[in-house]
C-alpha atoms as a PDB file:
ATOM      1  CA  MET A   1     -39.390  81.726 -15.959  1.00  0.00           C
ATOM      2  CA  SER A   2     -38.557  79.628 -19.012  1.00  0.00           C
ATOM      3  CA  ASN A   3     -35.080  79.936 -20.535  1.00  0.00           C
ATOM      4  CA  PRO A   4     -36.255  81.177 -23.988  1.00  0.00           C
ATOM      5  CA  LEU A   5     -38.228  84.006 -22.372  1.00  0.00           C
ATOM      6  CA  ILE A   6     -35.278  84.988 -20.181  1.00  0.00           C
ATOM      7  CA  LYS A   7     -32.977  85.034 -23.229  1.00  0.00           C
ATOM      8  CA  LEU A   8     -35.451  87.186 -25.142  1.00  0.00           C
ATOM      9  CA  PHE A   9     -35.702  89.780 -22.361  1.00  0.00           C
ATOM     10  CA  ARG A  10     -31.934  89.807 -21.842  1.00  0.00           C
ATOM     11  CA  SER A  11     -31.410  90.356 -25.544  1.00  0.00           C
ATOM     12  CA  LYS A  12     -33.831  93.296 -25.591  1.00  0.00           C
ATOM     13  CA  ILE A  13     -32.353  94.826 -22.431  1.00  0.00           C
ATOM     14  CA  SER A  14     -28.844  94.478 -23.870  1.00  0.00           C
ATOM     15  CA  THR A  15     -30.012  96.328 -26.984  1.00  0.00           C
ATOM     16  CA  ALA A  16     -31.559  99.106 -24.862  1.00  0.00           C
ATOM     17  CA  LEU A  17     -28.376  99.485 -22.810  1.00  0.00           C
ATOM     18  CA  PHE A  18     -26.298  99.617 -25.978  1.00  0.00           C
ATOM     19  CA  LEU A  19     -28.521 102.414 -27.347  1.00  0.00           C
ATOM     20  CA  LEU A  20     -28.206 104.365 -24.060  1.00  0.00           C
ATOM     21  CA  ILE A  21     -24.419 104.113 -24.141  1.00  0.00           C
ATOM     22  CA  PHE A  22     -24.459 105.102 -27.817  1.00  0.00           C
ATOM     23  CA  VAL A  23     -26.552 108.210 -27.049  1.00  0.00           C
ATOM     24  CA  VAL A  24     -24.155 109.197 -24.219  1.00  0.00           C
ATOM     25  CA  ILE A  25     -21.165 108.839 -26.513  1.00  0.00           C
ATOM     26  CA  ILE A  26     -22.865 110.894 -29.248  1.00  0.00           C
ATOM     27  CA  GLY A  27     -23.801 113.550 -26.669  1.00  0.00           C
ATOM     28  CA  VAL A  28     -20.286 113.824 -25.225  1.00  0.00           C
ATOM     29  CA  PHE A  29     -18.619 114.106 -28.632  1.00  0.00           C
ATOM     30  CA  GLY A  30     -21.351 116.421 -29.919  1.00  0.00           C
ATOM     31  CA  PHE A  31     -20.961 118.931 -27.059  1.00  0.00           C
ATOM     32  CA  LYS A  32     -17.183 118.605 -27.264  1.00  0.00           C
ATOM     33  CA  ILE A  33     -17.055 119.368 -30.985  1.00  0.00           C
ATOM     34  CA  ILE A  34     -20.024 121.720 -31.496  1.00  0.00           C
ATOM     35  CA  SER A  35     -19.850 123.733 -28.233  1.00  0.00           C
ATOM     36  CA  ASN A  36     -16.122 123.307 -27.632  1.00  0.00           C
ATOM     37  CA  TYR A  37     -16.725 122.020 -24.049  1.00  0.00           C
ATOM     38  CA  SER A  38     -14.142 120.195 -22.006  1.00  0.00           C
ATOM     39  CA  TRP A  39     -14.646 116.400 -21.700  1.00  0.00           C
ATOM     40  CA  VAL A  40     -16.053 116.770 -18.160  1.00  0.00           C
ATOM     41  CA  ASP A  41     -18.415 119.581 -19.157  1.00  0.00           C
ATOM     42  CA  ALA A  42     -19.491 117.616 -22.252  1.00  0.00           C
ATOM     43  CA  LEU A  43     -20.301 114.545 -20.119  1.00  0.00           C
ATOM     44  CA  TYR A  44     -22.118 116.740 -17.582  1.00  0.00           C
ATOM     45  CA  MET A  45     -24.254 118.385 -20.257  1.00  0.00           C
ATOM     46  CA  THR A  46     -25.021 114.999 -21.836  1.00  0.00           C
ATOM     47  CA  VAL A  47     -26.173 113.476 -18.536  1.00  0.00           C
ATOM     48  CA  ILE A  48     -28.397 116.401 -17.478  1.00  0.00           C
ATOM     49  CA  THR A  49     -29.874 116.533 -20.988  1.00  0.00           C
ATOM     50  CA  ILE A  50     -30.666 112.814 -21.184  1.00  0.00           C
ATOM     51  CA  THR A  51     -32.067 112.665 -17.649  1.00  0.00           C
ATOM     52  CA  THR A  52     -33.934 115.989 -18.067  1.00  0.00           C
ATOM     53  CA  VAL A  53     -33.108 117.052 -14.496  1.00  0.00           C
ATOM     54  CA  GLY A  54     -33.277 120.735 -15.404  1.00  0.00           C
ATOM     55  CA  PHE A  55     -29.878 122.022 -14.229  1.00  0.00           C
ATOM     56  CA  GLY A  56     -28.432 125.067 -16.037  1.00  0.00           C
ATOM     57  CA  GLU A  57     -26.000 124.914 -18.952  1.00  0.00           C
ATOM     58  CA  VAL A  58     -22.298 125.183 -18.378  1.00  0.00           C
ATOM     59  CA  GLN A  59     -22.335 128.167 -20.715  1.00  0.00           C
ATOM     60  CA  PRO A  60     -24.944 129.724 -23.030  1.00  0.00           C
ATOM     61  CA  LEU A  61     -25.663 127.581 -26.102  1.00  0.00           C
ATOM     62  CA  ASP A  62     -25.396 128.872 -29.633  1.00  0.00           C
ATOM     63  CA  ASP A  63     -27.908 127.906 -32.306  1.00  0.00           C
ATOM     64  CA  ALA A  64     -26.004 124.817 -33.437  1.00  0.00           C
ATOM     65  CA  SER A  65     -25.685 123.588 -29.848  1.00  0.00           C
ATOM     66  CA  LYS A  66     -29.405 124.177 -29.242  1.00  0.00           C
ATOM     67  CA  VAL A  67     -30.375 122.144 -32.320  1.00  0.00           C
ATOM     68  CA  PHE A  68     -28.051 119.344 -31.224  1.00  0.00           C
ATOM     69  CA  THR A  69     -29.500 119.464 -27.679  1.00  0.00           C
ATOM     70  CA  ILE A  70     -33.045 119.184 -29.044  1.00  0.00           C
ATOM     71  CA  PHE A  71     -31.997 116.168 -31.109  1.00  0.00           C
ATOM     72  CA  LEU A  72     -30.313 114.616 -28.058  1.00  0.00           C
ATOM     73  CA  ILE A  73     -33.389 115.167 -25.825  1.00  0.00           C
ATOM     74  CA  LEU A  74     -35.792 113.611 -28.311  1.00  0.00           C
ATOM     75  CA  SER A  75     -33.528 110.626 -28.915  1.00  0.00           C
ATOM     76  CA  SER A  76     -32.871 110.013 -25.227  1.00  0.00           C
ATOM     77  CA  VAL A  77     -36.579 110.242 -24.282  1.00  0.00           C
ATOM     78  CA  VAL A  78     -37.420 107.460 -26.719  1.00  0.00           C
ATOM     79  CA  ILE A  79     -34.473 105.253 -25.767  1.00  0.00           C
ATOM     80  CA  VAL A  80     -34.737 105.758 -21.981  1.00  0.00           C
ATOM     81  CA  GLY A  81     -38.478 105.129 -22.134  1.00  0.00           C
ATOM     82  CA  TYR A  82     -37.886 101.948 -24.123  1.00  0.00           C
ATOM     83  CA  ALA A  83     -35.259 100.736 -21.605  1.00  0.00           C
ATOM     84  CA  LEU A  84     -37.448 101.480 -18.563  1.00  0.00           C
ATOM     85  CA  THR A  85     -40.416  99.707 -20.180  1.00  0.00           C
ATOM     86  CA  LEU A  86     -38.344  96.593 -20.842  1.00  0.00           C
ATOM     87  CA  ILE A  87     -36.894  96.473 -17.335  1.00  0.00           C
ATOM     88  CA  THR A  88     -40.332  96.937 -15.730  1.00  0.00           C
ATOM     89  CA  GLU A  89     -41.877  94.295 -17.993  1.00  0.00           C
ATOM     90  CA  PHE A  90     -39.065  91.881 -17.180  1.00  0.00           C
ATOM     91  CA  ILE A  91     -39.538  92.283 -13.398  1.00  0.00           C
ATOM     92  CA  LEU A  92     -43.336  91.957 -13.547  1.00  0.00           C
ATOM     93  CA  SER A  93     -43.245  89.011 -15.948  1.00  0.00           C
ATOM     94  CA  LYS A  94     -40.708  87.183 -13.802  1.00  0.00           C
ATOM     95  CA  ASN A  95     -42.924  87.525 -10.735  1.00  0.00           C
ATOM     96  CA  ASN A  96     -46.068  86.522 -12.630  1.00  0.00           C
ATOM     97  CA  ILE A  97     -44.486  83.487 -14.267  1.00  0.00           C
ATOM     98  CA  GLU A  98     -43.031  82.353 -10.937  1.00  0.00           C
ATOM     99  CA  GLU A  99     -46.489  82.630  -9.384  1.00  0.00           C
ATOM    100  CA  LEU A 100     -48.086  80.709 -12.258  1.00  0.00           C
ATOM    101  CA  LYS A 101     -45.394  78.050 -11.988  1.00  0.00           C
ATOM    102  CA  GLN A 102     -46.112  77.641  -8.264  1.00  0.00           C
ATOM    103  CA  LYS A 103     -49.869  77.423  -8.904  1.00  0.00           C
ATOM    104  CA  LYS A 104     -49.276  74.746 -11.541  1.00  0.00           C
ATOM    105  CA  MET A 105     -47.128  72.765  -9.107  1.00  0.00           C
ATOM    106  CA  GLN A 106     -49.774  73.068  -6.370  1.00  0.00           C
ATOM    107  CA  LYS A 107     -52.457  71.903  -8.799  1.00  0.00           C
ATOM    108  CA  LYS A 108     -50.381  68.807  -9.515  1.00  0.00           C
ATOM    109  CA  ILE A 109     -49.931  68.139  -5.791  1.00  0.00           C
ATOM    110  CA  ASP A 110     -53.679  68.564  -5.222  1.00  0.00           C
ATOM    111  CA  SER A 111     -54.299  65.791  -7.760  1.00  0.00           C
ATOM    112  CA  PHE A 112     -52.188  63.261  -5.824  1.00  0.00           C
ATOM    113  CA  GLN A 113     -53.888  60.418  -3.986  1.00  0.00           C
ATOM    114  CA  ASP A 114     -52.186  57.862  -1.710  1.00  0.00           C
ATOM    115  CA  HIS A 115     -48.889  59.608  -2.256  1.00  0.00           C
ATOM    116  CA  THR A 116     -45.823  59.939  -0.024  1.00  0.00           C
ATOM    117  CA  ILE A 117     -44.728  63.113   1.749  1.00  0.00           C
ATOM    118  CA  ILE A 118     -40.984  63.535   2.372  1.00  0.00           C
ATOM    119  CA  CYS A 119     -40.095  66.104   5.034  1.00  0.00           C
ATOM    120  CA  GLY A 120     -36.611  67.457   4.396  1.00  0.00           C
ATOM    121  CA  TYR A 121     -34.473  67.145   1.275  1.00  0.00           C
ATOM    122  CA  GLY A 122     -31.149  66.355   2.920  1.00  0.00           C
ATOM    123  CA  ARG A 123     -29.111  63.173   2.394  1.00  0.00           C
ATOM    124  CA  ASN A 124     -31.852  60.824   3.600  1.00  0.00           C
ATOM    125  CA  GLY A 125     -34.624  62.767   1.906  1.00  0.00           C
ATOM    126  CA  LYS A 126     -32.791  62.676  -1.429  1.00  0.00           C
ATOM    127  CA  GLN A 127     -32.308  58.904  -1.182  1.00  0.00           C
ATOM    128  CA  ALA A 128     -35.983  58.416  -0.370  1.00  0.00           C
ATOM    129  CA  ALA A 129     -37.037  60.608  -3.308  1.00  0.00           C
ATOM    130  CA  LYS A 130     -34.666  58.782  -5.650  1.00  0.00           C
ATOM    131  CA  LYS A 131     -36.095  55.394  -4.648  1.00  0.00           C
ATOM    132  CA  LEU A 132     -39.710  56.543  -5.012  1.00  0.00           C
ATOM    133  CA  MET A 133     -38.897  58.106  -8.364  1.00  0.00           C
ATOM    134  CA  SER A 134     -37.379  54.838  -9.613  1.00  0.00           C
ATOM    135  CA  TYR A 135     -40.626  53.084  -8.718  1.00  0.00           C
ATOM    136  CA  LYS A 136     -42.694  55.918 -10.263  1.00  0.00           C
ATOM    137  CA  LYS A 137     -44.504  56.470  -6.962  1.00  0.00           C
ATOM    138  CA  PRO A 138     -46.068  59.928  -6.482  1.00  0.00           C
ATOM    139  CA  PHE A 139     -44.472  61.996  -3.734  1.00  0.00           C
ATOM    140  CA  VAL A 140     -44.116  65.557  -2.457  1.00  0.00           C
ATOM    141  CA  VAL A 141     -41.076  67.054  -0.723  1.00  0.00           C
ATOM    142  CA  ILE A 142     -41.453  69.655   2.030  1.00  0.00           C
ATOM    143  CA  GLU A 143     -38.349  71.829   2.285  1.00  0.00           C
ATOM    144  CA  LYS A 144     -37.867  75.131   4.119  1.00  0.00           C
ATOM    145  CA  ASP A 145     -34.666  76.155   2.295  1.00  0.00           C
ATOM    146  CA  LYS A 146     -35.741  78.273  -0.693  1.00  0.00           C
ATOM    147  CA  GLU A 147     -32.391  77.835  -2.440  1.00  0.00           C
ATOM    148  CA  ILE A 148     -32.744  74.040  -2.405  1.00  0.00           C
ATOM    149  CA  ILE A 149     -36.246  74.320  -3.894  1.00  0.00           C
ATOM    150  CA  GLU A 150     -35.059  76.661  -6.668  1.00  0.00           C
ATOM    151  CA  LYS A 151     -32.217  74.262  -7.458  1.00  0.00           C
ATOM    152  CA  PHE A 152     -34.054  70.922  -7.453  1.00  0.00           C
ATOM    153  CA  GLN A 153     -37.781  71.559  -8.002  1.00  0.00           C
ATOM    154  CA  SER A 154     -39.113  70.147 -11.277  1.00  0.00           C
ATOM    155  CA  GLU A 155     -42.100  68.327 -12.759  1.00  0.00           C
ATOM    156  CA  MET A 156     -40.570  65.061 -11.530  1.00  0.00           C
ATOM    157  CA  LEU A 157     -39.718  66.492  -8.121  1.00  0.00           C
ATOM    158  CA  PRO A 158     -42.690  68.472  -6.723  1.00  0.00           C
ATOM    159  CA  MET A 159     -41.788  70.523  -3.654  1.00  0.00           C
ATOM    160  CA  VAL A 160     -43.596  72.653  -1.102  1.00  0.00           C
ATOM    161  CA  HIS A 161     -41.732  75.555   0.486  1.00  0.00           C
ATOM    162  CA  GLY A 162     -42.230  75.757   4.232  1.00  0.00           C
ATOM    163  CA  ASN A 163     -41.634  74.213   7.640  1.00  0.00           C
ATOM    164  CA  ALA A 164     -42.942  70.650   7.964  1.00  0.00           C
ATOM    165  CA  ASN A 165     -43.724  71.419  11.626  1.00  0.00           C
ATOM    166  CA  GLU A 166     -46.616  73.627  10.525  1.00  0.00           C
ATOM    167  CA  ASP A 167     -50.024  72.029   9.973  1.00  0.00           C
ATOM    168  CA  GLU A 168     -50.766  74.377   7.067  1.00  0.00           C
ATOM    169  CA  ILE A 169     -47.724  73.153   5.156  1.00  0.00           C
ATOM    170  CA  LEU A 170     -48.611  69.501   5.805  1.00  0.00           C
ATOM    171  CA  ILE A 171     -52.150  70.134   4.560  1.00  0.00           C
ATOM    172  CA  GLN A 172     -50.786  71.971   1.521  1.00  0.00           C
ATOM    173  CA  SER A 173     -48.725  68.877   0.684  1.00  0.00           C
ATOM    174  CA  GLY A 174     -51.898  66.763   0.777  1.00  0.00           C
ATOM    175  CA  ILE A 175     -51.394  64.893   4.033  1.00  0.00           C
ATOM    176  CA  GLU A 176     -55.125  64.163   4.326  1.00  0.00           C
ATOM    177  CA  ARG A 177     -54.941  62.171   1.074  1.00  0.00           C
ATOM    178  CA  ALA A 178     -51.429  60.734   1.561  1.00  0.00           C
ATOM    179  CA  SER A 179     -50.660  57.117   2.415  1.00  0.00           C
ATOM    180  CA  THR A 180     -47.158  57.600   3.838  1.00  0.00           C
ATOM    181  CA  LEU A 181     -45.044  60.297   5.444  1.00  0.00           C
ATOM    182  CA  ILE A 182     -41.253  60.136   5.712  1.00  0.00           C
ATOM    183  CA  SER A 183     -39.813  62.552   8.237  1.00  0.00           C
ATOM    184  CA  ALA A 184     -36.131  62.878   7.309  1.00  0.00           C
ATOM    185  CA  LEU A 185     -35.284  66.080   9.180  1.00  0.00           C
ATOM    186  CA  PRO A 186     -31.812  66.235  10.794  1.00  0.00           C
ATOM    187  CA  ASN A 187     -33.155  67.188  14.237  1.00  0.00           C
ATOM    188  CA  ASP A 188     -34.948  64.530  16.323  1.00  0.00           C
ATOM    189  CA  ALA A 189     -37.099  67.137  18.077  1.00  0.00           C
ATOM    190  CA  ASP A 190     -38.340  68.400  14.707  1.00  0.00           C
ATOM    191  CA  ASN A 191     -39.090  64.855  13.570  1.00  0.00           C
ATOM    192  CA  LEU A 192     -40.998  64.236  16.799  1.00  0.00           C
ATOM    193  CA  PHE A 193     -43.124  67.335  16.254  1.00  0.00           C
ATOM    194  CA  VAL A 194     -43.813  66.374  12.631  1.00  0.00           C
ATOM    195  CA  VAL A 195     -44.874  62.861  13.659  1.00  0.00           C
ATOM    196  CA  LEU A 196     -47.254  64.246  16.307  1.00  0.00           C
ATOM    197  CA  SER A 197     -48.783  66.747  13.888  1.00  0.00           C
ATOM    198  CA  ALA A 198     -49.096  64.246  11.049  1.00  0.00           C
ATOM    199  CA  ARG A 199     -50.699  61.595  13.256  1.00  0.00           C
ATOM    200  CA  GLN A 200     -53.204  64.136  14.541  1.00  0.00           C
ATOM    201  CA  ILE A 201     -54.241  65.173  11.026  1.00  0.00           C
ATOM    202  CA  ASN A 202     -54.334  61.681   9.479  1.00  0.00           C
ATOM    203  CA  SER A 203     -54.752  58.758  11.859  1.00  0.00           C
ATOM    204  CA  GLU A 204     -54.453  56.188   9.024  1.00  0.00           C
ATOM    205  CA  LEU A 205     -51.146  57.536   7.766  1.00  0.00           C
ATOM    206  CA  CYS A 206     -48.082  55.267   7.711  1.00  0.00           C
ATOM    207  CA  ILE A 207     -45.303  57.341   9.288  1.00  0.00           C
ATOM    208  CA  ILE A 208     -41.593  56.573   8.897  1.00  0.00           C
ATOM    209  CA  SER A 209     -39.215  58.779  10.845  1.00  0.00           C
ATOM    210  CA  ARG A 210     -35.475  59.267  10.959  1.00  0.00           C
ATOM    211  CA  ALA A 211     -33.715  59.390  14.337  1.00  0.00           C
ATOM    212  CA  SER A 212     -30.164  60.434  15.175  1.00  0.00           C
ATOM    213  CA  GLN A 213     -30.172  59.308  18.829  1.00  0.00           C
ATOM    214  CA  GLU A 214     -31.229  55.869  20.044  1.00  0.00           C
ATOM    215  CA  THR A 215     -32.994  57.574  22.976  1.00  0.00           C
ATOM    216  CA  SER A 216     -35.376  59.150  20.457  1.00  0.00           C
ATOM    217  CA  TYR A 217     -36.522  55.789  19.085  1.00  0.00           C
ATOM    218  CA  GLN A 218     -39.153  55.039  21.719  1.00  0.00           C
ATOM    219  CA  LYS A 219     -40.348  58.647  21.842  1.00  0.00           C
ATOM    220  CA  LEU A 220     -41.011  58.677  18.121  1.00  0.00           C
ATOM    221  CA  LYS A 221     -42.834  55.352  18.350  1.00  0.00           C
ATOM    222  CA  LEU A 222     -45.017  56.699  21.152  1.00  0.00           C
ATOM    223  CA  ALA A 223     -45.684  59.847  19.118  1.00  0.00           C
ATOM    224  CA  GLY A 224     -47.187  57.704  16.363  1.00  0.00           C
ATOM    225  CA  ALA A 225     -44.368  56.631  14.041  1.00  0.00           C
ATOM    226  CA  ASN A 226     -44.899  53.200  12.507  1.00  0.00           C
ATOM    227  CA  ASN A 227     -41.200  52.778  11.807  1.00  0.00           C
ATOM    228  CA  VAL A 228     -38.143  54.589  13.134  1.00  0.00           C
ATOM    229  CA  ILE A 229     -34.873  54.383  11.215  1.00  0.00           C
ATOM    230  CA  LEU A 230     -31.459  55.026  12.777  1.00  0.00           C
ATOM    231  CA  PRO A 231     -29.149  55.677   9.771  1.00  0.00           C
ATOM    232  CA  ASP A 232     -25.967  55.735  11.864  1.00  0.00           C
ATOM    233  CA  ARG A 233     -26.719  52.356  13.454  1.00  0.00           C
ATOM    234  CA  ILE A 234     -27.625  50.822  10.114  1.00  0.00           C
ATOM    235  CA  GLY A 235     -24.405  52.142   8.601  1.00  0.00           C
ATOM    236  CA  GLY A 236     -22.299  50.779  11.474  1.00  0.00           C
ATOM    237  CA  ASP A 237     -23.972  47.368  11.306  1.00  0.00           C
ATOM    238  CA  HIS A 238     -23.402  47.237   7.563  1.00  0.00           C
ATOM    239  CA  MET A 239     -19.690  48.030   7.877  1.00  0.00           C
ATOM    240  CA  ALA A 240     -19.242  45.439  10.631  1.00  0.00           C
ATOM    241  CA  SER A 241     -21.076  42.843   8.518  1.00  0.00           C
ATOM    242  CA  LEU A 242     -18.585  43.460   5.714  1.00  0.00           C
ATOM    243  CA  VAL A 243     -15.920  42.253   8.123  1.00  0.00           C
ATOM    244  CA  VAL A 244     -17.840  39.246   9.487  1.00  0.00           C
ATOM    245  CA  VAL A 245     -19.626  37.991   6.348  1.00  0.00           C
ATOM    246  CA  PRO A 246     -18.221  40.057   3.446  1.00  0.00           C
ATOM    247  CA  ASP A 247     -19.326  37.784   0.586  1.00  0.00           C
ATOM    248  CA  LEU A 248     -22.899  37.554   1.851  1.00  0.00           C
ATOM    249  CA  ILE A 249     -23.180  41.335   2.260  1.00  0.00           C
ATOM    250  CA  GLU A 250     -21.645  41.900  -1.176  1.00  0.00           C
ATOM    251  CA  PHE A 251     -24.266  39.558  -2.664  1.00  0.00           C
ATOM    252  CA  ILE A 252     -27.081  41.414  -0.890  1.00  0.00           C
ATOM    253  CA  ASP A 253     -25.686  44.772  -1.998  1.00  0.00           C
ATOM    254  CA  ASN A 254     -25.799  43.584  -5.604  1.00  0.00           C
ATOM    255  CA  LEU A 255     -29.509  42.821  -5.321  1.00  0.00           C
ATOM    256  CA  SER A 256     -31.511  45.694  -6.717  1.00  0.00           C
ATOM    257  CA  ILE A 257     -35.033  46.548  -5.564  1.00  0.00           C
ATOM    258  CA  GLY A 258     -35.411  49.789  -7.505  1.00  0.00           C
ATOM    259  CA  GLY A 259     -35.398  50.961 -11.077  1.00  0.00           C
ATOM    260  CA  GLU A 260     -37.059  49.803 -14.251  1.00  0.00           C
ATOM    261  CA  ASP A 261     -34.566  47.360 -15.786  1.00  0.00           C
ATOM    262  CA  ASN A 262     -32.450  45.975 -12.951  1.00  0.00           C
ATOM    263  CA  VAL A 263     -34.874  44.765 -10.264  1.00  0.00           C
ATOM    264  CA  ASN A 264     -33.971  41.473  -8.546  1.00  0.00           C
ATOM    265  CA  ILE A 265     -36.543  41.400  -5.741  1.00  0.00           C
ATOM    266  CA  GLU A 266     -40.211  42.203  -6.036  1.00  0.00           C
ATOM    267  CA  GLU A 267     -43.071  42.388  -3.541  1.00  0.00           C
ATOM    268  CA  VAL A 268     -46.360  41.207  -5.027  1.00  0.00           C
ATOM    269  CA  ASN A 269     -49.831  41.656  -3.597  1.00  0.00           C
ATOM    270  CA  VAL A 270     -51.616  38.288  -3.649  1.00  0.00           C
ATOM    271  CA  ASP A 271     -54.910  39.994  -4.526  1.00  0.00           C
ATOM    272  CA  LYS A 272     -53.456  40.902  -7.935  1.00  0.00           C
ATOM    273  CA  LEU A 273     -52.533  37.271  -8.528  1.00  0.00           C
ATOM    274  CA  TYR A 274     -56.073  36.211  -7.672  1.00  0.00           C
ATOM    275  CA  ASN A 275     -57.376  38.679 -10.215  1.00  0.00           C
ATOM    276  CA  ALA A 276     -55.229  36.981 -12.806  1.00  0.00           C
ATOM    277  CA  SER A 277     -56.263  33.441 -11.814  1.00  0.00           C
ATOM    278  CA  ASN A 278     -59.083  32.649  -9.397  1.00  0.00           C
ATOM    279  CA  ASN A 279     -57.924  29.060  -9.012  1.00  0.00           C
ATOM    280  CA  ILE A 280     -54.762  29.957  -7.074  1.00  0.00           C
ATOM    281  CA  GLN A 281     -54.828  28.600  -3.538  1.00  0.00           C
ATOM    282  CA  THR A 282     -51.216  27.918  -2.551  1.00  0.00           C
ATOM    283  CA  ILE A 283     -47.716  29.046  -3.506  1.00  0.00           C
ATOM    284  CA  LYS A 284     -47.362  25.768  -5.401  1.00  0.00           C
ATOM    285  CA  ASP A 285     -50.437  26.583  -7.485  1.00  0.00           C
ATOM    286  CA  LEU A 286     -48.781  29.802  -8.636  1.00  0.00           C
ATOM    287  CA  ASP A 287     -46.038  27.772 -10.355  1.00  0.00           C
ATOM    288  CA  LEU A 288     -43.970  30.944 -10.651  1.00  0.00           C
ATOM    289  CA  ARG A 289     -40.742  29.015 -11.168  1.00  0.00           C
ATOM    290  CA  ASN A 290     -41.971  27.436 -14.391  1.00  0.00           C
ATOM    291  CA  LYS A 291     -43.972  30.431 -15.614  1.00  0.00           C
ATOM    292  CA  THR A 292     -41.480  33.218 -14.928  1.00  0.00           C
ATOM    293  CA  GLY A 293     -38.298  31.728 -13.443  1.00  0.00           C
ATOM    294  CA  CYS A 294     -38.815  33.642 -10.171  1.00  0.00           C
ATOM    295  CA  THR A 295     -38.551  32.015  -6.754  1.00  0.00           C
ATOM    296  CA  VAL A 296     -40.770  32.836  -3.780  1.00  0.00           C
ATOM    297  CA  ILE A 297     -38.479  33.645  -0.839  1.00  0.00           C
ATOM    298  CA  GLY A 298     -40.933  35.272   1.551  1.00  0.00           C
ATOM    299  CA  TYR A 299     -44.578  35.454   2.523  1.00  0.00           C
ATOM    300  CA  LYS A 300     -46.429  38.043   4.591  1.00  0.00           C
ATOM    301  CA  GLY A 301     -49.842  36.969   5.838  1.00  0.00           C
ATOM    302  CA  ASN A 302     -52.792  39.283   6.273  1.00  0.00           C
ATOM    303  CA  ASN A 303     -51.994  39.306  10.008  1.00  0.00           C
ATOM    304  CA  GLY A 304     -48.610  40.949   9.310  1.00  0.00           C
ATOM    305  CA  GLU A 305     -46.533  37.854  10.117  1.00  0.00           C
ATOM    306  CA  TYR A 306     -43.513  37.199   7.888  1.00  0.00           C
ATOM    307  CA  ILE A 307     -42.365  33.731   6.810  1.00  0.00           C
ATOM    308  CA  VAL A 308     -38.920  33.372   5.222  1.00  0.00           C
ATOM    309  CA  ASN A 309     -38.582  30.646   2.568  1.00  0.00           C
ATOM    310  CA  PRO A 310     -42.232  29.559   2.897  1.00  0.00           C
ATOM    311  CA  GLU A 311     -43.429  26.031   2.166  1.00  0.00           C
ATOM    312  CA  ALA A 312     -45.045  25.427  -1.206  1.00  0.00           C
ATOM    313  CA  GLU A 313     -48.268  24.253   0.464  1.00  0.00           C
ATOM    314  CA  ILE A 314     -48.868  27.509   2.351  1.00  0.00           C
ATOM    315  CA  LYS A 315     -52.304  28.814   1.464  1.00  0.00           C
ATOM    316  CA  LEU A 316     -52.486  32.300   0.054  1.00  0.00           C
ATOM    317  CA  THR A 317     -55.038  34.621   1.614  1.00  0.00           C
ATOM    318  CA  LYS A 318     -56.515  37.957   0.671  1.00  0.00           C
ATOM    319  CA  ASN A 319     -54.442  41.050   1.624  1.00  0.00           C
ATOM    320  CA  SER A 320     -51.289  38.941   1.899  1.00  0.00           C
ATOM    321  CA  LYS A 321     -48.037  39.410  -0.044  1.00  0.00           C
ATOM    322  CA  ILE A 322     -45.237  37.292  -1.461  1.00  0.00           C
ATOM    323  CA  VAL A 323     -41.614  38.285  -2.011  1.00  0.00           C
ATOM    324  CA  VAL A 324     -39.975  36.867  -5.136  1.00  0.00           C
ATOM    325  CA  LEU A 325     -36.335  36.707  -6.226  1.00  0.00           C
ATOM    326  CA  GLY A 326     -35.118  36.563  -9.798  1.00  0.00           C
ATOM    327  CA  ARG A 327     -32.998  38.103 -12.497  1.00  0.00           C
ATOM    328  CA  PRO A 328     -34.231  41.401 -13.959  1.00  0.00           C
ATOM    329  CA  GLU A 329     -35.651  39.729 -17.060  1.00  0.00           C
ATOM    330  CA  GLN A 330     -37.486  37.193 -14.877  1.00  0.00           C
ATOM    331  CA  ILE A 331     -39.000  39.960 -12.746  1.00  0.00           C
ATOM    332  CA  GLN A 332     -40.106  41.738 -15.917  1.00  0.00           C
ATOM    333  CA  LYS A 333     -41.710  38.515 -17.143  1.00  0.00           C
ATOM    334  CA  LEU A 334     -43.537  38.188 -13.806  1.00  0.00           C
ATOM    335  CA  ASN A 335     -44.909  41.726 -14.185  1.00  0.00           C
ATOM    336  CA  SER A 336     -45.934  40.976 -17.757  1.00  0.00           C
ATOM    337  CA  VAL A 337     -47.634  37.601 -17.056  1.00  0.00           C
ATOM    338  CA  TYR A 338     -49.711  38.969 -14.161  1.00  0.00           C
ATOM    339  CA  ASP A 339     -50.012  42.534 -15.501  1.00  0.00           C
ATOM    340  CA  LEU A 340     -48.455  44.006 -12.348  1.00  0.00           C
ATOM    341  CA  ASP A 341     -47.044  47.182 -13.907  1.00  0.00           C
END
């Protein structure tokens, strides 16, 4: 429910509660003064009058007390009815708006094509979502913890509530139309089950899975994962590298591959370069150094083979990619010259 609507209902409910308390106070003092009741008897008479439960009077009422009681009954009926109506409307509206909000989110997910599905919004899942968000890549998060969904779900962070092990939840997240699935669950057995299910539903899907134990690596690969990441091993290697080659690692850490204004490394599909200039045949023909200031540091052929620091005479082929290095402004110029955004 939106904040303005919540504030409006809370304001109205606060007013209704104030009126109820006011009526009780008037009733207590009225019975105390007019009928000369004790404080307890006055409160008792006020409560049974307002709630219309039908219990007998503490003592017979005189004419003045009867007139006051009639006034109190009429007033309380209106105010109690008003309060009950507001509370009921608030509960029903909250449920309806939550349902509409979920339908709107599902409609957005249903519109995704070639998106990424992230299973689990823990430490690794959050990092994956943050990186995809910086690149403005569409993605959906599957999370079974309702509290996490209520805390983080937004227009920028679409989430599906459920267990990623279930085929229905994977289908709800659009796995049949997705290009990539990242299984970042903390349990290797759960990741294994997700990989098996995802591969069965979409055979063309690129699956990246997290693994806690090295013994799970081969199992996940056999289950259908294209890549298996061991965060603990990567972290240990990184820390050891800071001891062995600290300056080199510090330089690499300062290279940014995400965000809009601070990218240093970019992967470019050669097909897009051909669309910009049909005369390109080699890396030398691109002349990226003179045109943009960027340097080609890697080449991936259409056969999947990587070449580090490729020769200028290497011929570019369809479905291949180049990796370029440059300052953020040079990368932006590259995107602008070849309309890569």
